[in-house]
């Protein structure tokens, strides 16, 4: 019984740390973006013809799921975002898949987080799945 109480106490301390994955401000922004698609149009100086420059799409939970960048020849790049928990609006990005102008995978980024929800590590992979590089995040508070 004593072990169960100690375990319950430790669990009560640990769970809030995991729950703080995103700030309340981010959750408010996500609430406003549910199901939103933003199209950005650009016009060159001396021209009257606007062209599609960028499209960002959000899911039903308000999380960014896709970004597409365009150039004069069409799609320049596309980014697809996957989340740690597909049903949790407070979930962090677990994977980002980058596609090139031919809509072929160019790079895959996987993210790891600290217990407090801050970014710990970014692993970058080639399209064939081979590890390209690792980026470590060091947080320094003053």
C-alpha atoms as a PDB file:
ATOM      1  CA  UNK A   1       0.000   0.000   0.000  1.00  0.00           C
ATOM      2  CA  UNK A   2       2.866   2.382   0.840  1.00  0.00           C
ATOM      3  CA  UNK A   3       4.469   1.737  -2.554  1.00  0.00           C
ATOM      4  CA  UNK A   4       1.170   2.518  -4.267  1.00  0.00           C
ATOM      5  CA  UNK A   5       0.909   5.847  -2.420  1.00  0.00           C
ATOM      6  CA  UNK A   6       4.476   6.796  -3.338  1.00  0.00           C
ATOM      7  CA  UNK A   7       3.863   5.822  -6.969  1.00  0.00           C
ATOM      8  CA  UNK A   8       0.627   7.852  -7.056  1.00  0.00           C
ATOM      9  CA  UNK A   9       2.412  10.877  -5.578  1.00  0.00           C
ATOM     10  CA  UNK A  10       5.251  10.666  -8.121  1.00  0.00           C
ATOM     11  CA  UNK A  11       2.770  10.192 -10.940  1.00  0.00           C
ATOM     12  CA  UNK A  12       0.899  13.313  -9.809  1.00  0.00           C
ATOM     13  CA  UNK A  13       4.151  15.259 -10.089  1.00  0.00           C
ATOM     14  CA  UNK A  14       5.125  13.881 -13.493  1.00  0.00           C
ATOM     15  CA  UNK A  15       1.782  14.110 -15.367  1.00  0.00           C
ATOM     16  CA  UNK A  16       1.532  17.933 -15.229  1.00  0.00           C
ATOM     17  CA  UNK A  17       5.020  18.185 -16.745  1.00  0.00           C
ATOM     18  CA  UNK A  18       3.886  16.116 -19.727  1.00  0.00           C
ATOM     19  CA  UNK A  19       0.616  18.027 -20.005  1.00  0.00           C
ATOM     20  CA  UNK A  20       2.451  21.330 -20.518  1.00  0.00           C
ATOM     21  CA  UNK A  21       3.243  20.596 -24.138  1.00  0.00           C
ATOM     22  CA  UNK A  22       2.005  23.887 -25.554  1.00  0.00           C
ATOM     23  CA  UNK A  23       1.262  27.271 -24.036  1.00  0.00           C
ATOM     24  CA  UNK A  24      -2.295  28.449 -23.381  1.00  0.00           C
ATOM     25  CA  UNK A  25      -1.738  31.125 -26.045  1.00  0.00           C
ATOM     26  CA  UNK A  26      -0.984  28.442 -28.619  1.00  0.00           C
ATOM     27  CA  UNK A  27      -4.158  26.568 -27.682  1.00  0.00           C
ATOM     28  CA  UNK A  28      -6.175  29.783 -28.129  1.00  0.00           C
ATOM     29  CA  UNK A  29      -4.611  30.319 -31.572  1.00  0.00           C
ATOM     30  CA  UNK A  30      -5.374  26.702 -32.523  1.00  0.00           C
ATOM     31  CA  UNK A  31      -8.985  27.158 -31.425  1.00  0.00           C
ATOM     32  CA  UNK A  32      -9.339  30.081 -33.865  1.00  0.00           C
ATOM     33  CA  UNK A  33      -7.716  28.187 -36.767  1.00  0.00           C
ATOM     34  CA  UNK A  34      -9.902  25.047 -36.734  1.00  0.00           C
ATOM     35  CA  UNK A  35     -10.433  23.947 -40.342  1.00  0.00           C
ATOM     36  CA  UNK A  36      -8.804  27.128 -41.695  1.00  0.00           C
ATOM     37  CA  UNK A  37      -6.970  27.437 -45.015  1.00  0.00           C
ATOM     38  CA  UNK A  38      -4.918  30.571 -45.670  1.00  0.00           C
ATOM     39  CA  UNK A  39      -3.957  31.519 -49.222  1.00  0.00           C
ATOM     40  CA  UNK A  40      -1.276  34.178 -49.671  1.00  0.00           C
ATOM     41  CA  UNK A  41      -1.203  36.073 -52.963  1.00  0.00           C
ATOM     42  CA  UNK A  42       1.730  38.092 -54.262  1.00  0.00           C
ATOM     43  CA  UNK A  43       2.010  40.681 -57.044  1.00  0.00           C
ATOM     44  CA  UNK A  44       5.287  41.677 -58.685  1.00  0.00           C
ATOM     45  CA  UNK A  45       6.097  45.377 -59.035  1.00  0.00           C
ATOM     46  CA  UNK A  46       4.920  46.584 -62.447  1.00  0.00           C
ATOM     47  CA  UNK A  47       2.372  43.787 -62.783  1.00  0.00           C
ATOM     48  CA  UNK A  48      -1.315  43.677 -62.004  1.00  0.00           C
ATOM     49  CA  UNK A  49      -1.577  39.913 -61.976  1.00  0.00           C
ATOM     50  CA  UNK A  50      -1.429  38.328 -58.530  1.00  0.00           C
ATOM     51  CA  UNK A  51      -0.070  34.800 -58.174  1.00  0.00           C
ATOM     52  CA  UNK A  52      -0.522  32.217 -55.460  1.00  0.00           C
ATOM     53  CA  UNK A  53       2.522  32.346 -53.195  1.00  0.00           C
ATOM     54  CA  UNK A  54       1.722  30.196 -50.165  1.00  0.00           C
ATOM     55  CA  UNK A  55      -1.106  28.017 -48.795  1.00  0.00           C
ATOM     56  CA  UNK A  56      -1.338  26.904 -45.150  1.00  0.00           C
ATOM     57  CA  UNK A  57      -3.952  24.370 -44.026  1.00  0.00           C
ATOM     58  CA  UNK A  58      -5.072  23.622 -40.459  1.00  0.00           C
ATOM     59  CA  UNK A  59      -6.969  20.556 -39.227  1.00  0.00           C
ATOM     60  CA  UNK A  60     -10.190  20.374 -37.212  1.00  0.00           C
ATOM     61  CA  UNK A  61      -8.138  20.816 -34.015  1.00  0.00           C
ATOM     62  CA  UNK A  62      -6.486  24.011 -35.296  1.00  0.00           C
ATOM     63  CA  UNK A  63      -3.053  22.469 -35.861  1.00  0.00           C
ATOM     64  CA  UNK A  64      -1.040  23.215 -38.991  1.00  0.00           C
ATOM     65  CA  UNK A  65      -1.077  20.076 -41.148  1.00  0.00           C
ATOM     66  CA  UNK A  66       0.245  21.331 -44.485  1.00  0.00           C
ATOM     67  CA  UNK A  67       2.135  24.244 -46.002  1.00  0.00           C
ATOM     68  CA  UNK A  68       2.701  24.670 -49.726  1.00  0.00           C
ATOM     69  CA  UNK A  69       5.084  27.239 -51.242  1.00  0.00           C
ATOM     70  CA  UNK A  70       4.650  28.223 -54.868  1.00  0.00           C
ATOM     71  CA  UNK A  71       6.910  29.789 -57.493  1.00  0.00           C
ATOM     72  CA  UNK A  72       6.189  30.976 -61.021  1.00  0.00           C
ATOM     73  CA  UNK A  73       6.514  27.377 -62.301  1.00  0.00           C
ATOM     74  CA  UNK A  74       4.140  25.917 -59.687  1.00  0.00           C
ATOM     75  CA  UNK A  75       4.756  24.113 -56.419  1.00  0.00           C
ATOM     76  CA  UNK A  76       8.168  24.921 -54.978  1.00  0.00           C
ATOM     77  CA  UNK A  77       7.914  22.873 -51.771  1.00  0.00           C
ATOM     78  CA  UNK A  78       5.295  21.222 -49.585  1.00  0.00           C
ATOM     79  CA  UNK A  79       5.474  20.415 -45.877  1.00  0.00           C
ATOM     80  CA  UNK A  80       3.206  17.935 -44.084  1.00  0.00           C
ATOM     81  CA  UNK A  81       3.063  17.891 -40.274  1.00  0.00           C
ATOM     82  CA  UNK A  82       2.217  14.879 -38.094  1.00  0.00           C
ATOM     83  CA  UNK A  83       1.524  15.081 -34.363  1.00  0.00           C
ATOM     84  CA  UNK A  84       2.446  12.940 -31.339  1.00  0.00           C
ATOM     85  CA  UNK A  85      -1.257  12.415 -30.573  1.00  0.00           C
ATOM     86  CA  UNK A  86      -3.584  12.794 -33.557  1.00  0.00           C
ATOM     87  CA  UNK A  87      -6.584  13.485 -31.297  1.00  0.00           C
ATOM     88  CA  UNK A  88      -5.021  15.966 -28.844  1.00  0.00           C
ATOM     89  CA  UNK A  89      -5.218  19.685 -29.745  1.00  0.00           C
ATOM     90  CA  UNK A  90      -2.260  20.315 -27.384  1.00  0.00           C
ATOM     91  CA  UNK A  91      -0.028  17.768 -29.124  1.00  0.00           C
ATOM     92  CA  UNK A  92       3.389  18.731 -30.520  1.00  0.00           C
ATOM     93  CA  UNK A  93       4.698  17.993 -34.018  1.00  0.00           C
ATOM     94  CA  UNK A  94       6.352  14.574 -34.136  1.00  0.00           C
ATOM     95  CA  UNK A  95       7.282  14.515 -37.822  1.00  0.00           C
ATOM     96  CA  UNK A  96       7.621  17.016 -40.654  1.00  0.00           C
ATOM     97  CA  UNK A  97       7.822  15.676 -44.199  1.00  0.00           C
ATOM     98  CA  UNK A  98       9.245  17.988 -46.860  1.00  0.00           C
ATOM     99  CA  UNK A  99       8.343  17.419 -50.516  1.00  0.00           C
ATOM    100  CA  UNK A 100      10.157  19.018 -53.464  1.00  0.00           C
ATOM    101  CA  UNK A 101       8.733  20.694 -56.580  1.00  0.00           C
ATOM    102  CA  UNK A 102       7.989  17.262 -58.081  1.00  0.00           C
ATOM    103  CA  UNK A 103       6.065  16.253 -54.941  1.00  0.00           C
ATOM    104  CA  UNK A 104       8.719  13.672 -54.003  1.00  0.00           C
ATOM    105  CA  UNK A 105       9.954  13.374 -50.419  1.00  0.00           C
ATOM    106  CA  UNK A 106      13.064  15.522 -50.003  1.00  0.00           C
ATOM    107  CA  UNK A 107      13.596  15.234 -46.230  1.00  0.00           C
ATOM    108  CA  UNK A 108      11.909  13.935 -43.104  1.00  0.00           C
ATOM    109  CA  UNK A 109      12.367  15.643 -39.738  1.00  0.00           C
ATOM    110  CA  UNK A 110      11.484  13.863 -36.502  1.00  0.00           C
ATOM    111  CA  UNK A 111      11.224  15.758 -33.241  1.00  0.00           C
ATOM    112  CA  UNK A 112      11.841  14.714 -29.638  1.00  0.00           C
ATOM    113  CA  UNK A 113      10.736  16.782 -26.642  1.00  0.00           C
ATOM    114  CA  UNK A 114      11.810  17.242 -23.036  1.00  0.00           C
ATOM    115  CA  UNK A 115       9.372  16.429 -20.236  1.00  0.00           C
ATOM    116  CA  UNK A 116       8.427  20.127 -20.018  1.00  0.00           C
ATOM    117  CA  UNK A 117       7.390  20.123 -23.688  1.00  0.00           C
ATOM    118  CA  UNK A 118      10.416  22.046 -24.994  1.00  0.00           C
ATOM    119  CA  UNK A 119      12.176  20.775 -28.098  1.00  0.00           C
ATOM    120  CA  UNK A 120      15.029  18.389 -27.250  1.00  0.00           C
ATOM    121  CA  UNK A 121      16.249  16.998 -30.577  1.00  0.00           C
ATOM    122  CA  UNK A 122      15.533  17.153 -34.298  1.00  0.00           C
ATOM    123  CA  UNK A 123      16.571  14.190 -36.432  1.00  0.00           C
ATOM    124  CA  UNK A 124      16.857  14.861 -40.174  1.00  0.00           C
ATOM    125  CA  UNK A 125      16.521  11.941 -42.577  1.00  0.00           C
ATOM    126  CA  UNK A 126      17.139  11.530 -46.295  1.00  0.00           C
ATOM    127  CA  UNK A 127      14.193  10.272 -48.394  1.00  0.00           C
ATOM    128  CA  UNK A 128      15.632   6.727 -48.236  1.00  0.00           C
ATOM    129  CA  UNK A 129      15.355   6.773 -44.415  1.00  0.00           C
ATOM    130  CA  UNK A 130      19.079   7.200 -43.730  1.00  0.00           C
ATOM    131  CA  UNK A 131      19.931   9.651 -40.940  1.00  0.00           C
ATOM    132  CA  UNK A 132      21.385  12.876 -42.360  1.00  0.00           C
ATOM    133  CA  UNK A 133      21.973  14.978 -39.218  1.00  0.00           C
ATOM    134  CA  UNK A 134      20.897  15.560 -35.631  1.00  0.00           C
ATOM    135  CA  UNK A 135      20.163  18.965 -34.125  1.00  0.00           C
ATOM    136  CA  UNK A 136      20.257  19.246 -30.326  1.00  0.00           C
ATOM    137  CA  UNK A 137      18.476  22.076 -28.481  1.00  0.00           C
ATOM    138  CA  UNK A 138      20.034  23.581 -25.367  1.00  0.00           C
ATOM    139  CA  UNK A 139      17.851  25.873 -23.299  1.00  0.00           C
ATOM    140  CA  UNK A 140      19.664  28.442 -21.187  1.00  0.00           C
ATOM    141  CA  UNK A 141      17.669  30.630 -18.822  1.00  0.00           C
ATOM    142  CA  UNK A 142      19.147  33.816 -17.365  1.00  0.00           C
END
